């Protein structure tokens, strides 16, 4: 066990698989002990059918929480062994129902004593243990149903990578990055327009000097994302969130989310009540991000951009 102790909890899958393999090997021996010719992997399906009811493969899969293909394969193997019979469902001819054959039902009597003895053996192991494995498994299953291990790891990965991100106020030293990052994404999906060149060529004149702000995201010290907050002369809105761009090399690290949050917080600090933005529904990840930040669709405003086909607002 030194290898697994050294790896620690990151090897939980391998450790559980090793325990499963050990118990499964013993299960095969237990069946032989009681004169039962059955594979351990068949047991959940066998037990579900041992209650005497006809069932569909879909129903069995749902009951024992296995995949449909897995249950279907086991049923095929048990039919070949002669333990299961299959026929068309009388209520729905498109479906097949299965049940234990006489040969399969005979096993239900032979296996009863093993239930008693295995249960007693497991109880003895539990009595010698400091932890209730069965209860722990139930707790883990419940928690993983709420949020999968994959999703939890993605969250941890994102949080770790976010620690490498630094958000700073724009300075002229980042003008080239501000322009290049925006030109890159605009040119990838659309075409540069006159309004783009005005803001990107002279952000001081068209954004900062008019009461706006630009936030720059640094990843490991390098500028990889930008977002502007443009002051609006509009009775309905205080600022426009615009010119958000993140380098493709760091997309998926949550930098857009951090920039959006920072810009909205900047707007709140200025006493703003509403923030406006323009986008295009072709940019699905961006639209998803805006919704996550609290933006909702609005209509009926004049825009200087040909590519704009959706307008949104965020009430702060």
C-alpha atoms as a PDB file:
ATOM      1  CA  UNK A   1       0.000   0.000   0.000  1.00  0.00           C
ATOM      2  CA  UNK A   2       3.021   2.317   0.137  1.00  0.00           C
ATOM      3  CA  UNK A   3       2.441   3.320  -3.498  1.00  0.00           C
ATOM      4  CA  UNK A   4      -1.159   4.418  -2.845  1.00  0.00           C
ATOM      5  CA  UNK A   5      -0.288   6.040   0.457  1.00  0.00           C
ATOM      6  CA  UNK A   6       2.348   8.040  -1.362  1.00  0.00           C
ATOM      7  CA  UNK A   7      -0.106   9.125  -4.066  1.00  0.00           C
ATOM      8  CA  UNK A   8      -2.790   9.941  -1.533  1.00  0.00           C
ATOM      9  CA  UNK A   9      -6.368  10.862  -2.387  1.00  0.00           C
ATOM     10  CA  UNK A  10      -5.651  11.628  -6.053  1.00  0.00           C
ATOM     11  CA  UNK A  11      -5.502   7.842  -6.566  1.00  0.00           C
ATOM     12  CA  UNK A  12      -8.981   7.234  -5.161  1.00  0.00           C
ATOM     13  CA  UNK A  13     -10.258   5.715  -8.421  1.00  0.00           C
ATOM     14  CA  UNK A  14      -7.396   3.222  -8.615  1.00  0.00           C
ATOM     15  CA  UNK A  15      -7.687   2.413  -4.910  1.00  0.00           C
ATOM     16  CA  UNK A  16     -11.420   1.746  -5.164  1.00  0.00           C
ATOM     17  CA  UNK A  17     -10.906  -0.323  -8.311  1.00  0.00           C
ATOM     18  CA  UNK A  18      -8.321  -2.445  -6.480  1.00  0.00           C
ATOM     19  CA  UNK A  19     -10.773  -3.010  -3.632  1.00  0.00           C
ATOM     20  CA  UNK A  20     -13.541  -3.829  -6.118  1.00  0.00           C
ATOM     21  CA  UNK A  21     -11.315  -6.309  -7.936  1.00  0.00           C
ATOM     22  CA  UNK A  22     -10.481  -8.022  -4.652  1.00  0.00           C
ATOM     23  CA  UNK A  23     -14.129  -8.317  -3.603  1.00  0.00           C
ATOM     24  CA  UNK A  24     -15.175  -9.430  -7.101  1.00  0.00           C
ATOM     25  CA  UNK A  25     -12.564 -12.191  -7.094  1.00  0.00           C
ATOM     26  CA  UNK A  26     -13.879 -13.379  -3.732  1.00  0.00           C
ATOM     27  CA  UNK A  27     -17.465 -13.181  -5.035  1.00  0.00           C
ATOM     28  CA  UNK A  28     -16.599 -15.629  -7.810  1.00  0.00           C
ATOM     29  CA  UNK A  29     -15.210 -17.998  -5.196  1.00  0.00           C
ATOM     30  CA  UNK A  30     -18.301 -17.569  -3.018  1.00  0.00           C
ATOM     31  CA  UNK A  31     -20.589 -18.558  -5.900  1.00  0.00           C
ATOM     32  CA  UNK A  32     -18.517 -21.700  -6.419  1.00  0.00           C
ATOM     33  CA  UNK A  33     -18.722 -22.426  -2.693  1.00  0.00           C
ATOM     34  CA  UNK A  34     -22.506 -22.584  -2.930  1.00  0.00           C
ATOM     35  CA  UNK A  35     -22.574 -24.415  -6.259  1.00  0.00           C
ATOM     36  CA  UNK A  36     -23.829 -21.391  -8.190  1.00  0.00           C
ATOM     37  CA  UNK A  37     -22.654 -20.946 -11.782  1.00  0.00           C
ATOM     38  CA  UNK A  38     -22.894 -17.158 -12.121  1.00  0.00           C
ATOM     39  CA  UNK A  39     -20.592 -14.261 -12.877  1.00  0.00           C
ATOM     40  CA  UNK A  40     -20.371 -11.575 -10.138  1.00  0.00           C
ATOM     41  CA  UNK A  41     -21.242  -8.802 -12.617  1.00  0.00           C
ATOM     42  CA  UNK A  42     -24.609 -10.486 -13.284  1.00  0.00           C
ATOM     43  CA  UNK A  43     -25.755 -10.211  -9.667  1.00  0.00           C
ATOM     44  CA  UNK A  44     -27.550  -6.804  -9.726  1.00  0.00           C
ATOM     45  CA  UNK A  45     -29.538  -7.850 -12.828  1.00  0.00           C
ATOM     46  CA  UNK A  46     -30.207 -11.296 -11.375  1.00  0.00           C
ATOM     47  CA  UNK A  47     -31.449  -9.838  -8.100  1.00  0.00           C
ATOM     48  CA  UNK A  48     -33.703  -7.311  -9.871  1.00  0.00           C
ATOM     49  CA  UNK A  49     -35.309 -10.191 -11.787  1.00  0.00           C
ATOM     50  CA  UNK A  50     -35.409 -12.529  -8.785  1.00  0.00           C
ATOM     51  CA  UNK A  51     -38.484 -10.706  -7.469  1.00  0.00           C
ATOM     52  CA  UNK A  52     -40.470 -12.524 -10.168  1.00  0.00           C
ATOM     53  CA  UNK A  53     -41.639  -9.593 -12.299  1.00  0.00           C
ATOM     54  CA  UNK A  54     -41.146  -9.187 -16.017  1.00  0.00           C
ATOM     55  CA  UNK A  55     -39.028  -6.121 -16.719  1.00  0.00           C
ATOM     56  CA  UNK A  56     -37.643  -4.182 -19.644  1.00  0.00           C
ATOM     57  CA  UNK A  57     -33.926  -3.643 -19.998  1.00  0.00           C
ATOM     58  CA  UNK A  58     -34.537   0.084 -19.604  1.00  0.00           C
ATOM     59  CA  UNK A  59     -36.424  -0.550 -16.362  1.00  0.00           C
ATOM     60  CA  UNK A  60     -33.649  -2.746 -14.980  1.00  0.00           C
ATOM     61  CA  UNK A  61     -30.977  -0.219 -15.934  1.00  0.00           C
ATOM     62  CA  UNK A  62     -32.870   2.524 -14.127  1.00  0.00           C
ATOM     63  CA  UNK A  63     -33.479   0.351 -11.070  1.00  0.00           C
ATOM     64  CA  UNK A  64     -29.869  -0.755 -10.584  1.00  0.00           C
ATOM     65  CA  UNK A  65     -28.413   2.522 -11.911  1.00  0.00           C
ATOM     66  CA  UNK A  66     -26.335   0.900 -14.647  1.00  0.00           C
ATOM     67  CA  UNK A  67     -26.096   1.965 -18.273  1.00  0.00           C
ATOM     68  CA  UNK A  68     -28.544   0.499 -20.780  1.00  0.00           C
ATOM     69  CA  UNK A  69     -25.745  -1.030 -22.938  1.00  0.00           C
ATOM     70  CA  UNK A  70     -24.208  -2.665 -19.843  1.00  0.00           C
ATOM     71  CA  UNK A  71     -27.509  -4.242 -18.771  1.00  0.00           C
ATOM     72  CA  UNK A  72     -28.284  -5.289 -22.336  1.00  0.00           C
ATOM     73  CA  UNK A  73     -24.946  -7.107 -22.586  1.00  0.00           C
ATOM     74  CA  UNK A  74     -25.505  -8.894 -19.275  1.00  0.00           C
ATOM     75  CA  UNK A  75     -29.005  -9.950 -20.335  1.00  0.00           C
ATOM     76  CA  UNK A  76     -27.597 -11.402 -23.564  1.00  0.00           C
ATOM     77  CA  UNK A  77     -25.036 -13.382 -21.560  1.00  0.00           C
ATOM     78  CA  UNK A  78     -27.673 -14.639 -19.114  1.00  0.00           C
ATOM     79  CA  UNK A  79     -29.990 -15.666 -21.962  1.00  0.00           C
ATOM     80  CA  UNK A  80     -27.144 -17.619 -23.535  1.00  0.00           C
ATOM     81  CA  UNK A  81     -26.580 -19.335 -20.175  1.00  0.00           C
ATOM     82  CA  UNK A  82     -30.278 -20.185 -19.992  1.00  0.00           C
ATOM     83  CA  UNK A  83     -31.003 -18.108 -16.894  1.00  0.00           C
ATOM     84  CA  UNK A  84     -33.228 -15.500 -18.575  1.00  0.00           C
ATOM     85  CA  UNK A  85     -36.078 -15.726 -21.078  1.00  0.00           C
ATOM     86  CA  UNK A  86     -37.192 -12.880 -23.350  1.00  0.00           C
ATOM     87  CA  UNK A  87     -40.437 -12.049 -25.150  1.00  0.00           C
ATOM     88  CA  UNK A  88     -42.337  -9.147 -26.673  1.00  0.00           C
ATOM     89  CA  UNK A  89     -44.154  -6.835 -24.290  1.00  0.00           C
ATOM     90  CA  UNK A  90     -47.904  -7.494 -24.624  1.00  0.00           C
ATOM     91  CA  UNK A  91     -48.660  -3.819 -23.956  1.00  0.00           C
ATOM     92  CA  UNK A  92     -46.069  -2.485 -26.409  1.00  0.00           C
ATOM     93  CA  UNK A  93     -44.850  -4.802 -29.141  1.00  0.00           C
ATOM     94  CA  UNK A  94     -41.870  -2.566 -29.816  1.00  0.00           C
ATOM     95  CA  UNK A  95     -40.365  -3.500 -26.472  1.00  0.00           C
ATOM     96  CA  UNK A  96     -39.010  -6.770 -25.119  1.00  0.00           C
ATOM     97  CA  UNK A  97     -39.452  -7.902 -21.543  1.00  0.00           C
ATOM     98  CA  UNK A  98     -37.235 -10.376 -19.704  1.00  0.00           C
ATOM     99  CA  UNK A  99     -37.654 -12.610 -16.702  1.00  0.00           C
ATOM    100  CA  UNK A 100     -35.789 -15.439 -15.023  1.00  0.00           C
ATOM    101  CA  UNK A 101     -36.203 -18.810 -16.703  1.00  0.00           C
ATOM    102  CA  UNK A 102     -36.950 -21.939 -14.624  1.00  0.00           C
ATOM    103  CA  UNK A 103     -33.181 -22.523 -14.546  1.00  0.00           C
ATOM    104  CA  UNK A 104     -32.636 -18.983 -13.308  1.00  0.00           C
ATOM    105  CA  UNK A 105     -35.392 -19.256 -10.682  1.00  0.00           C
ATOM    106  CA  UNK A 106     -33.730 -22.395  -9.347  1.00  0.00           C
ATOM    107  CA  UNK A 107     -30.695 -20.283  -8.448  1.00  0.00           C
ATOM    108  CA  UNK A 108     -32.843 -18.001  -6.280  1.00  0.00           C
ATOM    109  CA  UNK A 109     -33.263 -20.906  -3.852  1.00  0.00           C
ATOM    110  CA  UNK A 110     -29.611 -21.980  -3.922  1.00  0.00           C
ATOM    111  CA  UNK A 111     -28.359 -18.443  -3.322  1.00  0.00           C
ATOM    112  CA  UNK A 112     -30.454 -17.695  -0.199  1.00  0.00           C
ATOM    113  CA  UNK A 113     -27.963 -19.241   2.202  1.00  0.00           C
ATOM    114  CA  UNK A 114     -25.147 -17.196   0.670  1.00  0.00           C
ATOM    115  CA  UNK A 115     -27.115 -14.002   1.401  1.00  0.00           C
ATOM    116  CA  UNK A 116     -27.205 -14.945   5.082  1.00  0.00           C
ATOM    117  CA  UNK A 117     -23.540 -15.919   5.283  1.00  0.00           C
ATOM    118  CA  UNK A 118     -22.200 -13.020   3.213  1.00  0.00           C
ATOM    119  CA  UNK A 119     -24.286 -10.568   5.251  1.00  0.00           C
ATOM    120  CA  UNK A 120     -22.847 -11.984   8.486  1.00  0.00           C
ATOM    121  CA  UNK A 121     -19.294 -11.824   7.103  1.00  0.00           C
ATOM    122  CA  UNK A 122     -19.726  -8.189   6.034  1.00  0.00           C
ATOM    123  CA  UNK A 123     -21.197  -7.345   9.441  1.00  0.00           C
ATOM    124  CA  UNK A 124     -18.143  -8.908  11.087  1.00  0.00           C
ATOM    125  CA  UNK A 125     -15.799  -6.794   8.944  1.00  0.00           C
ATOM    126  CA  UNK A 126     -17.823  -3.676   9.807  1.00  0.00           C
ATOM    127  CA  UNK A 127     -17.589  -4.497  13.498  1.00  0.00           C
ATOM    128  CA  UNK A 128     -13.802  -4.642  13.198  1.00  0.00           C
ATOM    129  CA  UNK A 129     -13.671  -1.328  11.306  1.00  0.00           C
ATOM    130  CA  UNK A 130     -13.577   2.165  12.726  1.00  0.00           C
ATOM    131  CA  UNK A 131     -15.513   3.559   9.762  1.00  0.00           C
ATOM    132  CA  UNK A 132     -18.869   2.648   8.249  1.00  0.00           C
ATOM    133  CA  UNK A 133     -17.952   1.984   4.597  1.00  0.00           C
ATOM    134  CA  UNK A 134     -21.556   1.529   3.475  1.00  0.00           C
ATOM    135  CA  UNK A 135     -22.624   4.878   4.932  1.00  0.00           C
ATOM    136  CA  UNK A 136     -19.553   6.564   3.471  1.00  0.00           C
ATOM    137  CA  UNK A 137     -20.378   5.193   0.003  1.00  0.00           C
ATOM    138  CA  UNK A 138     -23.942   6.511   0.287  1.00  0.00           C
ATOM    139  CA  UNK A 139     -22.618   9.926   1.277  1.00  0.00           C
ATOM    140  CA  UNK A 140     -20.154  10.006  -1.626  1.00  0.00           C
ATOM    141  CA  UNK A 141     -22.827   8.910  -4.105  1.00  0.00           C
ATOM    142  CA  UNK A 142     -25.134  11.669  -2.894  1.00  0.00           C
ATOM    143  CA  UNK A 143     -22.437  14.331  -3.068  1.00  0.00           C
ATOM    144  CA  UNK A 144     -21.289  13.250  -6.543  1.00  0.00           C
ATOM    145  CA  UNK A 145     -24.879  13.367  -7.769  1.00  0.00           C
ATOM    146  CA  UNK A 146     -25.033  16.990  -6.636  1.00  0.00           C
ATOM    147  CA  UNK A 147     -21.772  17.819  -8.413  1.00  0.00           C
ATOM    148  CA  UNK A 148     -19.573  15.368 -10.293  1.00  0.00           C
ATOM    149  CA  UNK A 149     -15.905  14.864  -9.519  1.00  0.00           C
ATOM    150  CA  UNK A 150     -15.062  16.184 -12.996  1.00  0.00           C
ATOM    151  CA  UNK A 151     -16.948  19.427 -12.353  1.00  0.00           C
ATOM    152  CA  UNK A 152     -15.312  19.814  -8.946  1.00  0.00           C
ATOM    153  CA  UNK A 153     -11.845  19.332 -10.471  1.00  0.00           C
ATOM    154  CA  UNK A 154     -12.649  21.892 -13.180  1.00  0.00           C
ATOM    155  CA  UNK A 155     -13.574  24.378 -10.444  1.00  0.00           C
ATOM    156  CA  UNK A 156     -10.329  23.750  -8.572  1.00  0.00           C
ATOM    157  CA  UNK A 157      -8.320  24.056 -11.791  1.00  0.00           C
ATOM    158  CA  UNK A 158     -10.016  27.356 -12.608  1.00  0.00           C
ATOM    159  CA  UNK A 159      -9.446  28.741  -9.113  1.00  0.00           C
ATOM    160  CA  UNK A 160      -5.767  27.746  -9.217  1.00  0.00           C
ATOM    161  CA  UNK A 161      -5.266  29.333 -12.632  1.00  0.00           C
ATOM    162  CA  UNK A 162      -7.144  32.462 -11.552  1.00  0.00           C
ATOM    163  CA  UNK A 163      -4.476  32.995  -8.925  1.00  0.00           C
ATOM    164  CA  UNK A 164      -2.082  33.666 -11.812  1.00  0.00           C
ATOM    165  CA  UNK A 165      -4.347  36.445 -13.146  1.00  0.00           C
ATOM    166  CA  UNK A 166      -3.771  40.051 -12.159  1.00  0.00           C
ATOM    167  CA  UNK A 167      -6.271  42.773 -13.081  1.00  0.00           C
ATOM    168  CA  UNK A 168      -4.850  46.280 -13.454  1.00  0.00           C
ATOM    169  CA  UNK A 169      -5.957  49.650 -14.770  1.00  0.00           C
ATOM    170  CA  UNK A 170      -4.936  50.498 -18.312  1.00  0.00           C
ATOM    171  CA  UNK A 171      -1.811  52.537 -18.973  1.00  0.00           C
ATOM    172  CA  UNK A 172      -0.380  53.600 -22.362  1.00  0.00           C
ATOM    173  CA  UNK A 173       2.104  50.716 -22.050  1.00  0.00           C
ATOM    174  CA  UNK A 174      -0.779  48.358 -22.821  1.00  0.00           C
ATOM    175  CA  UNK A 175      -2.149  50.204 -25.847  1.00  0.00           C
ATOM    176  CA  UNK A 176      -0.651  47.723 -28.314  1.00  0.00           C
ATOM    177  CA  UNK A 177      -2.132  44.775 -26.414  1.00  0.00           C
ATOM    178  CA  UNK A 178      -5.543  46.484 -26.153  1.00  0.00           C
ATOM    179  CA  UNK A 179      -5.648  46.990 -29.895  1.00  0.00           C
ATOM    180  CA  UNK A 180      -4.153  43.650 -30.922  1.00  0.00           C
ATOM    181  CA  UNK A 181      -6.411  41.541 -28.696  1.00  0.00           C
ATOM    182  CA  UNK A 182      -9.540  43.229 -30.019  1.00  0.00           C
ATOM    183  CA  UNK A 183      -8.434  43.168 -33.650  1.00  0.00           C
ATOM    184  CA  UNK A 184      -7.739  39.448 -33.321  1.00  0.00           C
ATOM    185  CA  UNK A 185     -11.228  38.401 -32.239  1.00  0.00           C
ATOM    186  CA  UNK A 186     -13.105  40.906 -34.407  1.00  0.00           C
ATOM    187  CA  UNK A 187     -11.207  39.857 -37.534  1.00  0.00           C
ATOM    188  CA  UNK A 188     -11.752  36.187 -36.697  1.00  0.00           C
ATOM    189  CA  UNK A 189     -15.550  36.446 -36.681  1.00  0.00           C
ATOM    190  CA  UNK A 190     -16.426  39.712 -38.418  1.00  0.00           C
ATOM    191  CA  UNK A 191     -14.682  42.708 -39.962  1.00  0.00           C
ATOM    192  CA  UNK A 192     -13.163  45.786 -38.394  1.00  0.00           C
ATOM    193  CA  UNK A 193     -15.464  48.814 -38.555  1.00  0.00           C
ATOM    194  CA  UNK A 194     -14.911  52.572 -38.289  1.00  0.00           C
ATOM    195  CA  UNK A 195     -16.121  52.669 -34.667  1.00  0.00           C
ATOM    196  CA  UNK A 196     -13.569  49.951 -33.800  1.00  0.00           C
ATOM    197  CA  UNK A 197     -10.643  51.904 -35.220  1.00  0.00           C
ATOM    198  CA  UNK A 198     -11.637  55.069 -33.344  1.00  0.00           C
ATOM    199  CA  UNK A 199     -11.666  53.391 -29.935  1.00  0.00           C
ATOM    200  CA  UNK A 200      -8.703  51.094 -30.532  1.00  0.00           C
ATOM    201  CA  UNK A 201      -6.399  53.650 -32.153  1.00  0.00           C
ATOM    202  CA  UNK A 202      -7.001  56.308 -29.523  1.00  0.00           C
ATOM    203  CA  UNK A 203      -8.468  54.835 -26.311  1.00  0.00           C
ATOM    204  CA  UNK A 204      -7.461  57.897 -24.296  1.00  0.00           C
ATOM    205  CA  UNK A 205      -9.567  60.254 -26.410  1.00  0.00           C
ATOM    206  CA  UNK A 206     -12.576  58.006 -27.014  1.00  0.00           C
ATOM    207  CA  UNK A 207     -12.742  56.124 -23.699  1.00  0.00           C
ATOM    208  CA  UNK A 208     -10.608  57.391 -20.817  1.00  0.00           C
ATOM    209  CA  UNK A 209     -10.884  61.156 -21.313  1.00  0.00           C
ATOM    210  CA  UNK A 210     -14.676  60.846 -21.471  1.00  0.00           C
ATOM    211  CA  UNK A 211     -14.888  59.254 -18.024  1.00  0.00           C
ATOM    212  CA  UNK A 212     -14.438  55.630 -19.032  1.00  0.00           C
ATOM    213  CA  UNK A 213     -12.077  52.911 -17.877  1.00  0.00           C
ATOM    214  CA  UNK A 214     -10.106  50.007 -19.301  1.00  0.00           C
ATOM    215  CA  UNK A 215      -9.132  46.929 -17.301  1.00  0.00           C
ATOM    216  CA  UNK A 216      -6.183  44.790 -18.390  1.00  0.00           C
ATOM    217  CA  UNK A 217      -5.807  41.134 -17.378  1.00  0.00           C
ATOM    218  CA  UNK A 218      -2.249  39.869 -16.929  1.00  0.00           C
ATOM    219  CA  UNK A 219      -1.610  36.119 -16.900  1.00  0.00           C
ATOM    220  CA  UNK A 220       1.795  35.289 -15.492  1.00  0.00           C
ATOM    221  CA  UNK A 221       2.713  38.927 -16.128  1.00  0.00           C
ATOM    222  CA  UNK A 222       1.617  39.054 -19.776  1.00  0.00           C
ATOM    223  CA  UNK A 223      -1.423  41.053 -21.059  1.00  0.00           C
ATOM    224  CA  UNK A 224      -3.938  38.473 -22.279  1.00  0.00           C
ATOM    225  CA  UNK A 225      -7.300  40.162 -21.798  1.00  0.00           C
ATOM    226  CA  UNK A 226      -8.881  43.608 -21.855  1.00  0.00           C
ATOM    227  CA  UNK A 227     -12.295  45.144 -21.256  1.00  0.00           C
ATOM    228  CA  UNK A 228     -13.501  48.734 -21.474  1.00  0.00           C
ATOM    229  CA  UNK A 229     -16.194  50.616 -19.601  1.00  0.00           C
ATOM    230  CA  UNK A 230     -17.320  53.507 -21.796  1.00  0.00           C
ATOM    231  CA  UNK A 231     -19.201  56.473 -20.339  1.00  0.00           C
ATOM    232  CA  UNK A 232     -22.541  56.927 -22.117  1.00  0.00           C
ATOM    233  CA  UNK A 233     -24.494  60.116 -22.771  1.00  0.00           C
ATOM    234  CA  UNK A 234     -27.794  58.349 -22.346  1.00  0.00           C
ATOM    235  CA  UNK A 235     -30.661  58.860 -19.885  1.00  0.00           C
ATOM    236  CA  UNK A 236     -31.109  55.106 -19.505  1.00  0.00           C
ATOM    237  CA  UNK A 237     -27.519  53.934 -19.108  1.00  0.00           C
ATOM    238  CA  UNK A 238     -24.401  55.103 -17.296  1.00  0.00           C
ATOM    239  CA  UNK A 239     -21.781  52.973 -19.019  1.00  0.00           C
ATOM    240  CA  UNK A 240     -21.298  50.526 -21.863  1.00  0.00           C
ATOM    241  CA  UNK A 241     -19.261  47.362 -21.401  1.00  0.00           C
ATOM    242  CA  UNK A 242     -17.235  47.117 -24.598  1.00  0.00           C
ATOM    243  CA  UNK A 243     -14.043  45.933 -26.222  1.00  0.00           C
ATOM    244  CA  UNK A 244     -13.804  42.777 -24.135  1.00  0.00           C
ATOM    245  CA  UNK A 245     -11.186  40.483 -25.642  1.00  0.00           C
ATOM    246  CA  UNK A 246      -9.264  37.488 -24.311  1.00  0.00           C
ATOM    247  CA  UNK A 247      -6.383  35.810 -26.099  1.00  0.00           C
ATOM    248  CA  UNK A 248      -7.269  32.344 -27.482  1.00  0.00           C
ATOM    249  CA  UNK A 249      -4.155  31.026 -25.752  1.00  0.00           C
ATOM    250  CA  UNK A 250      -5.771  31.478 -22.330  1.00  0.00           C
ATOM    251  CA  UNK A 251      -9.446  31.014 -23.070  1.00  0.00           C
ATOM    252  CA  UNK A 252     -11.164  28.586 -20.729  1.00  0.00           C
ATOM    253  CA  UNK A 253      -9.334  29.946 -17.695  1.00  0.00           C
ATOM    254  CA  UNK A 254     -12.209  32.222 -16.601  1.00  0.00           C
ATOM    255  CA  UNK A 255     -10.415  35.439 -17.527  1.00  0.00           C
ATOM    256  CA  UNK A 256     -13.469  36.851 -19.306  1.00  0.00           C
ATOM    257  CA  UNK A 257     -15.510  36.277 -16.146  1.00  0.00           C
ATOM    258  CA  UNK A 258     -12.912  38.050 -14.011  1.00  0.00           C
ATOM    259  CA  UNK A 259     -12.775  40.994 -16.421  1.00  0.00           C
ATOM    260  CA  UNK A 260     -16.557  41.286 -16.531  1.00  0.00           C
ATOM    261  CA  UNK A 261     -16.841  41.224 -12.758  1.00  0.00           C
ATOM    262  CA  UNK A 262     -14.086  43.820 -12.407  1.00  0.00           C
ATOM    263  CA  UNK A 263     -15.690  46.174 -14.919  1.00  0.00           C
ATOM    264  CA  UNK A 264     -19.122  45.917 -13.289  1.00  0.00           C
ATOM    265  CA  UNK A 265     -17.563  46.519  -9.885  1.00  0.00           C
ATOM    266  CA  UNK A 266     -15.849  49.590 -11.333  1.00  0.00           C
ATOM    267  CA  UNK A 267     -19.237  50.817 -12.568  1.00  0.00           C
ATOM    268  CA  UNK A 268     -20.788  50.282  -9.130  1.00  0.00           C
ATOM    269  CA  UNK A 269     -17.956  52.240  -7.542  1.00  0.00           C
ATOM    270  CA  UNK A 270     -18.853  55.157  -9.819  1.00  0.00           C
ATOM    271  CA  UNK A 271     -22.472  55.022  -8.652  1.00  0.00           C
ATOM    272  CA  UNK A 272     -23.800  53.547 -11.907  1.00  0.00           C
ATOM    273  CA  UNK A 273     -27.265  51.980 -11.977  1.00  0.00           C
ATOM    274  CA  UNK A 274     -27.229  50.284 -15.403  1.00  0.00           C
ATOM    275  CA  UNK A 275     -24.582  48.995 -17.797  1.00  0.00           C
ATOM    276  CA  UNK A 276     -25.275  48.372 -21.489  1.00  0.00           C
ATOM    277  CA  UNK A 277     -23.520  46.211 -24.093  1.00  0.00           C
ATOM    278  CA  UNK A 278     -23.782  45.159 -27.725  1.00  0.00           C
ATOM    279  CA  UNK A 279     -22.814  41.779 -29.137  1.00  0.00           C
ATOM    280  CA  UNK A 280     -23.693  39.107 -31.673  1.00  0.00           C
ATOM    281  CA  UNK A 281     -25.530  35.846 -30.967  1.00  0.00           C
ATOM    282  CA  UNK A 282     -22.910  34.044 -33.046  1.00  0.00           C
ATOM    283  CA  UNK A 283     -20.582  34.494 -30.070  1.00  0.00           C
ATOM    284  CA  UNK A 284     -22.322  31.907 -27.890  1.00  0.00           C
ATOM    285  CA  UNK A 285     -19.656  31.689 -25.149  1.00  0.00           C
ATOM    286  CA  UNK A 286     -19.717  35.487 -24.827  1.00  0.00           C
ATOM    287  CA  UNK A 287     -23.523  35.605 -24.597  1.00  0.00           C
ATOM    288  CA  UNK A 288     -23.441  32.879 -21.947  1.00  0.00           C
ATOM    289  CA  UNK A 289     -20.864  34.895 -20.013  1.00  0.00           C
ATOM    290  CA  UNK A 290     -22.988  38.060 -20.192  1.00  0.00           C
ATOM    291  CA  UNK A 291     -26.031  36.205 -18.879  1.00  0.00           C
ATOM    292  CA  UNK A 292     -23.899  34.822 -16.057  1.00  0.00           C
ATOM    293  CA  UNK A 293     -22.768  38.361 -15.219  1.00  0.00           C
ATOM    294  CA  UNK A 294     -26.411  39.445 -14.959  1.00  0.00           C
ATOM    295  CA  UNK A 295     -27.129  40.946 -18.384  1.00  0.00           C
ATOM    296  CA  UNK A 296     -30.556  40.590 -19.991  1.00  0.00           C
ATOM    297  CA  UNK A 297     -31.637  41.274 -23.572  1.00  0.00           C
ATOM    298  CA  UNK A 298     -33.108  44.657 -24.513  1.00  0.00           C
ATOM    299  CA  UNK A 299     -34.265  45.951 -27.913  1.00  0.00           C
ATOM    300  CA  UNK A 300     -34.755  49.061 -29.963  1.00  0.00           C
ATOM    301  CA  UNK A 301     -31.498  50.985 -29.675  1.00  0.00           C
ATOM    302  CA  UNK A 302     -29.432  52.485 -32.479  1.00  0.00           C
ATOM    303  CA  UNK A 303     -25.974  50.946 -32.893  1.00  0.00           C
ATOM    304  CA  UNK A 304     -22.910  52.026 -34.874  1.00  0.00           C
ATOM    305  CA  UNK A 305     -21.879  48.395 -35.483  1.00  0.00           C
ATOM    306  CA  UNK A 306     -23.040  46.247 -38.392  1.00  0.00           C
ATOM    307  CA  UNK A 307     -22.212  43.065 -36.466  1.00  0.00           C
ATOM    308  CA  UNK A 308     -24.496  43.898 -33.549  1.00  0.00           C
ATOM    309  CA  UNK A 309     -27.671  41.797 -33.442  1.00  0.00           C
ATOM    310  CA  UNK A 310     -28.245  41.697 -29.680  1.00  0.00           C
ATOM    311  CA  UNK A 311     -28.264  44.406 -27.028  1.00  0.00           C
ATOM    312  CA  UNK A 312     -28.206  43.721 -23.312  1.00  0.00           C
ATOM    313  CA  UNK A 313     -28.344  45.536 -19.992  1.00  0.00           C
ATOM    314  CA  UNK A 314     -27.261  44.806 -16.464  1.00  0.00           C
ATOM    315  CA  UNK A 315     -29.053  46.462 -13.561  1.00  0.00           C
ATOM    316  CA  UNK A 316     -26.516  46.958 -10.788  1.00  0.00           C
END
